């Protein structure tokens, strides 16, 4: 990632401009209209603290849930810091600090899940403890695969917090 593409706290107007640039310029307009912003708890906490020059918060309330989880009508999905961890740079210099992950785009266009083989069912009344307990056991196996469909549909950036 280029340092200039990261979102650096301190200048809220600059952070707002960079986030708008991700939605307006960095991804295709067709994808931007369906875009979702994905971040972790730390990233959401930072985004929730940003206000514009008029004192209005960057995030708006979702009319359905009432939580401040919309960025310019795009929903924000938050994952725990344990599931989507921060990147920490400890070497001295300008890049020392914590980086919160942020993904912008359409995940359904980015990757797909597909069925590799048909659903397989099997049953037994003699295997395992089925005979002893006088029961019939059923098993279902599905074989799924996944793959990247459109790499331009999702953009990864980071929110940089200097130490």
N, C-alpha and C. Protein backbone atom coordinates (compact mmCIF):
# COMPACT_ATOMS: atom_id res chain seq x y z
N UNK A 1 0.83 -1.19 0.00
CA UNK A 1 0.00 0.00 0.00
C UNK A 1 0.87 1.25 0.00
N UNK A 2 0.45 2.21 -0.75
CA UNK A 2 1.16 3.49 -0.75
C UNK A 2 0.77 4.29 0.47
N UNK A 3 1.75 4.93 1.08
CA UNK A 3 1.47 5.71 2.29
C UNK A 3 0.47 6.82 2.00
N UNK A 4 0.48 7.37 0.79
CA UNK A 4 -0.44 8.46 0.48
C UNK A 4 -1.88 7.99 0.38
N UNK A 5 -2.09 6.69 0.21
CA UNK A 5 -3.45 6.20 0.11
C UNK A 5 -4.03 5.85 1.46
N UNK A 6 -3.17 5.80 2.49
CA UNK A 6 -3.66 5.50 3.82
C UNK A 6 -4.36 6.72 4.40
N UNK A 7 -5.21 6.46 5.36
CA UNK A 7 -5.96 7.52 6.03
C UNK A 7 -5.24 7.81 7.33
N UNK A 8 -4.77 9.04 7.50
CA UNK A 8 -3.99 9.40 8.67
C UNK A 8 -4.80 10.33 9.56
N UNK A 9 -5.02 9.96 10.83
CA UNK A 9 -5.77 10.83 11.73
C UNK A 9 -5.06 12.15 11.97
N UNK A 10 -5.78 13.08 12.47
CA UNK A 10 -5.23 14.40 12.78
C UNK A 10 -5.95 15.47 11.99
N UNK A 11 -6.11 15.27 10.72
CA UNK A 11 -6.82 16.21 9.86
C UNK A 11 -8.10 15.52 9.39
N UNK A 12 -9.19 15.78 10.09
CA UNK A 12 -10.45 15.10 9.78
C UNK A 12 -10.92 15.39 8.37
N UNK A 13 -10.73 16.62 7.89
CA UNK A 13 -11.16 16.95 6.53
C UNK A 13 -10.38 16.13 5.50
N UNK A 14 -9.09 15.91 5.74
CA UNK A 14 -8.28 15.10 4.84
C UNK A 14 -8.75 13.65 4.87
N UNK A 15 -9.07 13.14 6.05
CA UNK A 15 -9.57 11.76 6.17
C UNK A 15 -10.90 11.61 5.44
N UNK A 16 -11.78 12.59 5.58
CA UNK A 16 -13.07 12.55 4.88
C UNK A 16 -12.84 12.57 3.37
N UNK A 17 -11.92 13.42 2.90
CA UNK A 17 -11.63 13.51 1.48
C UNK A 17 -11.09 12.18 0.94
N UNK A 18 -10.21 11.52 1.69
CA UNK A 18 -9.66 10.24 1.25
C UNK A 18 -10.72 9.15 1.22
N UNK A 19 -11.62 9.15 2.20
CA UNK A 19 -12.70 8.16 2.19
C UNK A 19 -13.65 8.40 1.03
N UNK A 20 -13.98 9.65 0.77
CA UNK A 20 -14.84 9.96 -0.38
C UNK A 20 -14.16 9.57 -1.68
N UNK A 21 -12.84 9.79 -1.77
CA UNK A 21 -12.09 9.42 -2.95
C UNK A 21 -12.17 7.91 -3.20
N UNK A 22 -12.12 7.11 -2.15
CA UNK A 22 -12.26 5.66 -2.31
C UNK A 22 -13.60 5.31 -2.94
N UNK A 23 -14.66 5.97 -2.50
CA UNK A 23 -16.00 5.66 -3.01
C UNK A 23 -16.27 6.29 -4.37
N UNK A 24 -15.71 7.47 -4.64
CA UNK A 24 -16.04 8.20 -5.86
C UNK A 24 -15.09 7.92 -7.03
N UNK A 25 -13.82 7.67 -6.75
CA UNK A 25 -12.83 7.59 -7.82
C UNK A 25 -12.12 6.24 -7.88
N UNK A 26 -11.75 5.70 -6.73
CA UNK A 26 -10.88 4.52 -6.70
C UNK A 26 -11.55 3.25 -7.21
N UNK A 27 -12.85 3.13 -7.07
CA UNK A 27 -13.53 1.93 -7.57
C UNK A 27 -14.57 2.33 -8.61
N UNK A 28 -14.92 1.38 -9.43
CA UNK A 28 -15.88 1.60 -10.51
C UNK A 28 -17.22 2.10 -9.94
N UNK A 29 -17.89 3.04 -10.60
CA UNK A 29 -19.15 3.57 -10.09
C UNK A 29 -20.23 2.50 -9.88
N UNK A 30 -20.26 1.49 -10.73
CA UNK A 30 -21.26 0.42 -10.56
C UNK A 30 -20.99 -0.35 -9.28
N UNK A 31 -19.73 -0.54 -8.94
CA UNK A 31 -19.39 -1.24 -7.70
C UNK A 31 -19.58 -0.31 -6.51
N UNK A 32 -19.24 0.96 -6.65
CA UNK A 32 -19.37 1.92 -5.57
C UNK A 32 -20.82 2.05 -5.10
N UNK A 33 -21.76 1.95 -6.01
CA UNK A 33 -23.17 2.09 -5.62
C UNK A 33 -23.63 0.95 -4.72
N UNK A 34 -22.93 -0.20 -4.78
CA UNK A 34 -23.27 -1.35 -3.94
C UNK A 34 -22.20 -1.61 -2.88
N UNK A 35 -21.29 -0.67 -2.70
CA UNK A 35 -20.13 -0.88 -1.83
C UNK A 35 -20.51 -0.99 -0.36
N UNK A 36 -19.72 -1.77 0.33
CA UNK A 36 -19.78 -1.90 1.78
C UNK A 36 -18.39 -1.57 2.31
N UNK A 37 -18.35 -0.92 3.47
CA UNK A 37 -17.08 -0.62 4.11
C UNK A 37 -16.91 -1.64 5.24
N UNK A 38 -15.78 -2.34 5.23
CA UNK A 38 -15.50 -3.35 6.24
C UNK A 38 -14.28 -2.90 7.03
N UNK A 39 -14.39 -2.91 8.35
CA UNK A 39 -13.27 -2.56 9.21
C UNK A 39 -13.41 -3.31 10.53
N UNK A 40 -12.44 -3.10 11.41
CA UNK A 40 -12.51 -3.74 12.71
C UNK A 40 -12.98 -2.73 13.76
N UNK A 41 -12.98 -3.16 15.03
CA UNK A 41 -13.47 -2.30 16.10
C UNK A 41 -12.66 -1.00 16.20
N UNK A 42 -11.36 -1.10 16.08
CA UNK A 42 -10.50 0.08 16.19
C UNK A 42 -10.75 1.05 15.04
N UNK A 43 -10.90 0.51 13.83
CA UNK A 43 -11.18 1.35 12.67
C UNK A 43 -12.52 2.04 12.78
N UNK A 44 -13.53 1.32 13.24
CA UNK A 44 -14.86 1.92 13.40
C UNK A 44 -14.83 3.00 14.47
N UNK A 45 -14.09 2.77 15.55
CA UNK A 45 -13.99 3.77 16.61
C UNK A 45 -13.38 5.06 16.06
N UNK A 46 -12.35 4.93 15.22
CA UNK A 46 -11.76 6.12 14.61
C UNK A 46 -12.74 6.81 13.68
N UNK A 47 -13.37 6.05 12.78
CA UNK A 47 -14.33 6.64 11.84
C UNK A 47 -15.48 7.32 12.56
N UNK A 48 -15.90 6.74 13.68
CA UNK A 48 -17.01 7.31 14.46
C UNK A 48 -16.62 8.61 15.14
N UNK A 49 -15.32 8.88 15.27
CA UNK A 49 -14.87 10.11 15.95
C UNK A 49 -14.67 11.28 14.98
N UNK A 50 -14.72 11.03 13.67
CA UNK A 50 -14.46 12.09 12.69
C UNK A 50 -15.68 12.99 12.54
N UNK A 51 -15.44 14.30 12.56
CA UNK A 51 -16.49 15.29 12.31
C UNK A 51 -16.01 16.21 11.20
N UNK A 52 -16.95 16.77 10.43
CA UNK A 52 -16.57 17.68 9.36
C UNK A 52 -16.38 19.09 9.91
N UNK A 53 -16.14 20.04 9.03
CA UNK A 53 -15.90 21.42 9.43
C UNK A 53 -17.08 22.07 10.15
N UNK A 54 -18.28 21.53 9.98
CA UNK A 54 -19.47 22.07 10.63
C UNK A 54 -19.83 21.31 11.90
N UNK A 55 -18.97 20.38 12.32
CA UNK A 55 -19.22 19.63 13.54
C UNK A 55 -20.15 18.43 13.36
N UNK A 56 -20.48 18.11 12.11
CA UNK A 56 -21.34 16.94 11.86
C UNK A 56 -20.49 15.68 11.79
N UNK A 57 -20.98 14.58 12.37
CA UNK A 57 -20.20 13.34 12.32
C UNK A 57 -20.13 12.78 10.91
N UNK A 58 -19.01 12.11 10.61
CA UNK A 58 -18.83 11.48 9.31
C UNK A 58 -19.83 10.35 9.12
N UNK A 59 -20.01 9.53 10.14
CA UNK A 59 -20.95 8.41 10.06
C UNK A 59 -22.34 8.89 10.41
N UNK A 60 -23.31 8.36 9.70
CA UNK A 60 -24.70 8.69 9.97
C UNK A 60 -25.41 7.47 10.52
N UNK A 61 -26.53 7.71 11.13
CA UNK A 61 -27.28 6.61 11.71
C UNK A 61 -28.00 5.81 10.63
N UNK A 62 -27.95 4.52 10.80
CA UNK A 62 -28.71 3.62 9.95
C UNK A 62 -30.17 3.74 10.39
N UNK A 63 -31.09 4.11 9.49
CA UNK A 63 -32.48 4.28 9.90
C UNK A 63 -33.14 3.00 10.41
N UNK A 64 -32.60 1.87 10.06
CA UNK A 64 -33.18 0.60 10.51
C UNK A 64 -32.73 0.27 11.93
N UNK A 65 -31.41 0.31 12.18
CA UNK A 65 -30.91 -0.09 13.49
C UNK A 65 -30.68 1.09 14.43
N UNK A 66 -30.52 2.31 13.88
CA UNK A 66 -30.25 3.48 14.71
C UNK A 66 -28.79 3.62 15.07
N UNK A 67 -27.97 2.66 14.73
CA UNK A 67 -26.54 2.72 15.04
C UNK A 67 -25.84 3.58 13.98
N UNK A 68 -24.78 4.31 14.36
CA UNK A 68 -24.05 5.11 13.37
C UNK A 68 -23.19 4.22 12.48
N UNK A 69 -23.80 3.62 11.50
CA UNK A 69 -23.11 2.63 10.69
C UNK A 69 -23.26 2.87 9.20
N UNK A 70 -23.43 4.11 8.76
CA UNK A 70 -23.47 4.42 7.34
C UNK A 70 -22.44 5.48 7.02
N UNK A 71 -21.74 5.30 5.94
CA UNK A 71 -20.81 6.30 5.43
C UNK A 71 -21.28 6.68 4.05
N UNK A 72 -21.89 7.85 3.93
CA UNK A 72 -22.43 8.33 2.65
C UNK A 72 -23.36 7.29 2.04
N UNK A 73 -24.27 6.79 2.77
CA UNK A 73 -25.30 5.79 2.41
C UNK A 73 -24.73 4.40 2.20
N UNK A 74 -23.43 4.21 2.40
CA UNK A 74 -22.84 2.87 2.28
C UNK A 74 -22.76 2.24 3.67
N UNK A 75 -23.21 1.01 3.83
CA UNK A 75 -23.16 0.37 5.15
C UNK A 75 -21.74 0.04 5.58
N UNK A 76 -21.53 0.07 6.88
CA UNK A 76 -20.25 -0.30 7.46
C UNK A 76 -20.45 -1.59 8.24
N UNK A 77 -19.60 -2.56 7.99
CA UNK A 77 -19.62 -3.82 8.72
C UNK A 77 -18.37 -3.88 9.59
N UNK A 78 -18.58 -4.14 10.87
CA UNK A 78 -17.48 -4.17 11.82
C UNK A 78 -17.21 -5.62 12.23
N UNK A 79 -15.93 -5.98 12.25
CA UNK A 79 -15.49 -7.26 12.77
C UNK A 79 -14.65 -6.99 14.02
N UNK A 80 -14.51 -7.99 14.86
CA UNK A 80 -13.71 -7.80 16.07
C UNK A 80 -12.24 -7.64 15.70
N UNK A 81 -11.49 -6.99 16.58
CA UNK A 81 -10.05 -6.83 16.36
C UNK A 81 -9.36 -8.18 16.33
N UNK A 82 -9.91 -9.18 17.01
CA UNK A 82 -9.31 -10.51 17.01
C UNK A 82 -9.48 -11.19 15.66
N UNK A 83 -10.61 -10.96 15.00
CA UNK A 83 -10.87 -11.59 13.71
C UNK A 83 -10.21 -10.84 12.56
N UNK A 84 -10.20 -9.53 12.64
CA UNK A 84 -9.58 -8.67 11.62
C UNK A 84 -8.55 -7.79 12.35
N UNK A 85 -7.36 -8.34 12.60
CA UNK A 85 -6.40 -7.66 13.48
C UNK A 85 -5.75 -6.43 12.85
N UNK A 86 -5.29 -5.55 13.73
CA UNK A 86 -4.52 -4.39 13.32
C UNK A 86 -3.10 -4.84 12.97
N UNK A 87 -2.44 -4.06 12.14
CA UNK A 87 -1.03 -4.30 11.83
C UNK A 87 -0.23 -3.28 12.62
N UNK A 88 0.77 -3.76 13.34
CA UNK A 88 1.58 -2.88 14.18
C UNK A 88 3.01 -2.89 13.67
N UNK A 89 3.56 -1.70 13.41
CA UNK A 89 4.95 -1.55 12.98
C UNK A 89 5.72 -0.98 14.15
N UNK A 90 6.75 -1.70 14.59
CA UNK A 90 7.51 -1.27 15.77
C UNK A 90 8.88 -0.70 15.43
N UNK A 91 9.29 -0.80 14.17
CA UNK A 91 10.60 -0.24 13.80
C UNK A 91 10.53 1.28 13.81
N UNK A 92 11.58 1.93 14.31
CA UNK A 92 11.56 3.40 14.37
C UNK A 92 11.47 4.01 12.97
N UNK A 93 10.81 5.14 12.91
CA UNK A 93 10.70 5.86 11.65
C UNK A 93 9.30 6.40 11.43
N UNK A 94 9.08 6.91 10.24
CA UNK A 94 7.80 7.54 9.92
C UNK A 94 6.66 6.54 9.83
N UNK A 95 6.97 5.26 9.63
CA UNK A 95 5.91 4.26 9.49
C UNK A 95 5.59 3.55 10.79
N UNK A 96 6.23 3.95 11.90
CA UNK A 96 5.98 3.31 13.19
C UNK A 96 4.60 3.69 13.68
N UNK A 97 3.81 2.68 14.00
CA UNK A 97 2.47 2.93 14.51
C UNK A 97 1.55 1.75 14.29
N UNK A 98 0.28 2.01 14.40
CA UNK A 98 -0.76 0.99 14.25
C UNK A 98 -1.57 1.30 13.01
N UNK A 99 -1.88 0.25 12.27
CA UNK A 99 -2.64 0.37 11.03
C UNK A 99 -3.94 -0.41 11.19
N UNK A 100 -5.08 0.30 11.10
CA UNK A 100 -6.39 -0.35 11.16
C UNK A 100 -6.80 -0.72 9.73
N UNK A 101 -7.23 -1.95 9.49
CA UNK A 101 -7.62 -2.34 8.13
C UNK A 101 -8.98 -1.75 7.75
N UNK A 102 -9.12 -1.39 6.49
CA UNK A 102 -10.41 -0.93 5.97
C UNK A 102 -10.53 -1.43 4.53
N UNK A 103 -11.63 -2.08 4.24
CA UNK A 103 -11.92 -2.61 2.91
C UNK A 103 -13.15 -1.90 2.37
N UNK A 104 -13.09 -1.48 1.12
CA UNK A 104 -14.21 -0.79 0.48
C UNK A 104 -14.50 -1.49 -0.82
N UNK A 105 -15.76 -1.86 -1.02
CA UNK A 105 -16.13 -2.50 -2.28
C UNK A 105 -17.31 -3.44 -2.12
N UNK A 106 -17.50 -4.27 -3.12
CA UNK A 106 -18.60 -5.22 -3.16
C UNK A 106 -18.02 -6.63 -3.03
N UNK A 107 -18.17 -7.22 -1.86
CA UNK A 107 -17.61 -8.53 -1.59
C UNK A 107 -18.21 -9.63 -2.45
N UNK A 108 -19.47 -9.46 -2.86
CA UNK A 108 -20.11 -10.47 -3.71
C UNK A 108 -19.51 -10.48 -5.11
N UNK A 109 -19.07 -9.32 -5.56
CA UNK A 109 -18.39 -9.26 -6.86
C UNK A 109 -16.93 -9.69 -6.75
N UNK A 110 -16.33 -9.46 -5.59
CA UNK A 110 -14.92 -9.77 -5.41
C UNK A 110 -14.66 -11.28 -5.40
N UNK A 111 -15.41 -12.01 -4.61
CA UNK A 111 -15.18 -13.45 -4.48
C UNK A 111 -16.49 -14.20 -4.59
N UNK A 112 -16.38 -15.46 -4.93
CA UNK A 112 -17.57 -16.28 -5.08
C UNK A 112 -17.34 -17.64 -4.42
N UNK A 113 -18.40 -18.23 -3.97
CA UNK A 113 -18.39 -19.57 -3.40
C UNK A 113 -19.16 -20.46 -4.36
N UNK A 114 -18.59 -21.58 -4.71
CA UNK A 114 -19.26 -22.45 -5.67
C UNK A 114 -19.23 -23.89 -5.19
N UNK A 115 -20.16 -24.67 -5.70
CA UNK A 115 -20.28 -26.08 -5.35
C UNK A 115 -19.35 -26.88 -6.26
N UNK A 116 -18.41 -27.60 -5.66
CA UNK A 116 -17.45 -28.38 -6.44
C UNK A 116 -18.04 -29.71 -6.89
N UNK A 117 -18.82 -30.32 -6.05
CA UNK A 117 -19.51 -31.56 -6.38
C UNK A 117 -20.89 -31.48 -5.78
N UNK A 118 -21.76 -32.38 -6.22
CA UNK A 118 -23.10 -32.41 -5.69
C UNK A 118 -23.13 -32.82 -4.23
N UNK A 119 -24.24 -32.58 -3.58
CA UNK A 119 -24.43 -32.96 -2.19
C UNK A 119 -24.53 -34.47 -2.11
N UNK A 120 -23.79 -35.06 -1.20
CA UNK A 120 -23.76 -36.52 -1.07
C UNK A 120 -24.40 -36.91 0.26
N UNK A 121 -25.35 -37.83 0.21
CA UNK A 121 -26.00 -38.35 1.41
C UNK A 121 -25.67 -39.81 1.57
N UNK A 122 -25.48 -40.25 2.79
CA UNK A 122 -25.28 -41.67 3.08
C UNK A 122 -25.97 -41.98 4.40
N UNK A 123 -26.42 -43.20 4.56
CA UNK A 123 -27.07 -43.61 5.80
C UNK A 123 -26.59 -45.01 6.19
N UNK A 124 -26.71 -45.30 7.48
CA UNK A 124 -26.36 -46.63 7.96
C UNK A 124 -27.20 -46.96 9.19
N UNK A 125 -27.51 -48.25 9.33
CA UNK A 125 -28.17 -48.70 10.56
C UNK A 125 -27.31 -49.76 11.25
N UNK A 126 -26.07 -49.95 10.74
CA UNK A 126 -25.18 -50.94 11.35
C UNK A 126 -23.85 -50.33 11.78
N UNK A 127 -23.42 -49.22 11.21
CA UNK A 127 -22.12 -48.64 11.53
C UNK A 127 -22.14 -47.89 12.84
N UNK A 128 -20.95 -47.74 13.45
CA UNK A 128 -20.82 -47.01 14.70
C UNK A 128 -21.67 -47.65 15.78
N UNK A 129 -22.44 -46.83 16.48
CA UNK A 129 -23.33 -47.37 17.51
C UNK A 129 -24.78 -47.43 17.04
N UNK A 130 -25.02 -47.30 15.73
CA UNK A 130 -26.38 -47.33 15.20
C UNK A 130 -27.06 -48.67 15.47
N UNK A 131 -26.32 -49.78 15.34
CA UNK A 131 -26.91 -51.09 15.58
C UNK A 131 -27.26 -51.26 17.05
N UNK A 132 -26.36 -50.85 17.96
CA UNK A 132 -26.59 -51.00 19.39
C UNK A 132 -27.78 -50.18 19.88
N UNK A 133 -27.96 -49.00 19.31
CA UNK A 133 -29.02 -48.10 19.76
C UNK A 133 -30.28 -48.22 18.91
N UNK A 134 -30.26 -49.08 17.90
CA UNK A 134 -31.40 -49.30 17.02
C UNK A 134 -31.85 -47.99 16.35
N UNK A 135 -30.89 -47.31 15.74
CA UNK A 135 -31.17 -46.06 15.04
C UNK A 135 -30.54 -46.10 13.66
N UNK A 136 -30.95 -45.20 12.81
CA UNK A 136 -30.35 -45.02 11.49
C UNK A 136 -29.65 -43.67 11.50
N UNK A 137 -28.38 -43.66 11.13
CA UNK A 137 -27.60 -42.42 11.11
C UNK A 137 -27.48 -41.95 9.67
N UNK A 138 -27.59 -40.64 9.51
CA UNK A 138 -27.46 -40.01 8.20
C UNK A 138 -26.25 -39.10 8.18
N UNK A 139 -25.64 -38.99 7.02
CA UNK A 139 -24.49 -38.11 6.84
C UNK A 139 -24.69 -37.36 5.53
N UNK A 140 -24.40 -36.08 5.56
CA UNK A 140 -24.43 -35.27 4.35
C UNK A 140 -23.09 -34.59 4.15
N UNK A 141 -22.56 -34.67 2.95
CA UNK A 141 -21.27 -34.05 2.65
C UNK A 141 -21.46 -33.12 1.46
N UNK A 142 -20.97 -31.90 1.61
CA UNK A 142 -20.95 -30.97 0.50
C UNK A 142 -19.52 -30.51 0.28
N UNK A 143 -19.14 -30.38 -0.94
CA UNK A 143 -17.78 -29.94 -1.27
C UNK A 143 -17.87 -28.59 -1.96
N UNK A 144 -17.38 -27.58 -1.26
CA UNK A 144 -17.46 -26.21 -1.76
C UNK A 144 -16.06 -25.70 -2.09
N UNK A 145 -16.01 -24.75 -2.95
CA UNK A 145 -14.77 -24.07 -3.30
C UNK A 145 -15.02 -22.58 -3.34
N UNK A 146 -13.97 -21.84 -3.33
CA UNK A 146 -14.09 -20.39 -3.40
C UNK A 146 -13.00 -19.83 -4.29
N UNK A 147 -13.26 -18.69 -4.84
CA UNK A 147 -12.27 -18.07 -5.70
C UNK A 147 -12.54 -16.60 -5.89
N UNK A 148 -11.51 -15.88 -6.25
CA UNK A 148 -11.63 -14.46 -6.54
C UNK A 148 -12.23 -14.31 -7.93
N UNK A 149 -13.26 -13.47 -8.03
CA UNK A 149 -13.96 -13.26 -9.28
C UNK A 149 -13.51 -11.97 -9.96
N UNK A 150 -13.53 -10.86 -9.21
CA UNK A 150 -13.17 -9.55 -9.76
C UNK A 150 -12.29 -8.82 -8.75
N UNK A 151 -10.99 -8.76 -8.99
CA UNK A 151 -10.07 -8.14 -8.04
C UNK A 151 -10.28 -6.64 -7.91
N UNK A 152 -10.89 -6.01 -8.89
CA UNK A 152 -11.11 -4.57 -8.83
C UNK A 152 -12.36 -4.20 -8.01
N UNK A 153 -13.09 -5.19 -7.53
CA UNK A 153 -14.33 -4.92 -6.81
C UNK A 153 -14.10 -4.60 -5.33
N UNK A 154 -12.90 -4.78 -4.81
CA UNK A 154 -12.62 -4.53 -3.40
C UNK A 154 -11.26 -3.87 -3.28
N UNK A 155 -11.19 -2.81 -2.49
CA UNK A 155 -9.95 -2.08 -2.27
C UNK A 155 -9.60 -2.18 -0.79
N UNK A 156 -8.33 -2.47 -0.51
CA UNK A 156 -7.86 -2.53 0.87
C UNK A 156 -7.00 -1.30 1.14
N UNK A 157 -7.32 -0.61 2.21
CA UNK A 157 -6.52 0.51 2.69
C UNK A 157 -6.33 0.34 4.19
N UNK A 158 -5.59 1.26 4.78
CA UNK A 158 -5.35 1.21 6.21
C UNK A 158 -5.51 2.62 6.80
N UNK A 159 -5.95 2.65 8.03
CA UNK A 159 -6.00 3.89 8.80
C UNK A 159 -4.75 3.87 9.67
N UNK A 160 -3.87 4.85 9.48
CA UNK A 160 -2.58 4.88 10.17
C UNK A 160 -2.62 5.75 11.40
N UNK A 161 -2.25 5.16 12.53
CA UNK A 161 -2.14 5.91 13.78
C UNK A 161 -0.66 5.87 14.19
N UNK A 162 0.00 7.01 14.10
CA UNK A 162 1.43 7.07 14.42
C UNK A 162 1.65 6.96 15.93
N UNK A 163 2.76 6.31 16.29
CA UNK A 163 3.13 6.22 17.71
C UNK A 163 3.95 7.41 18.14
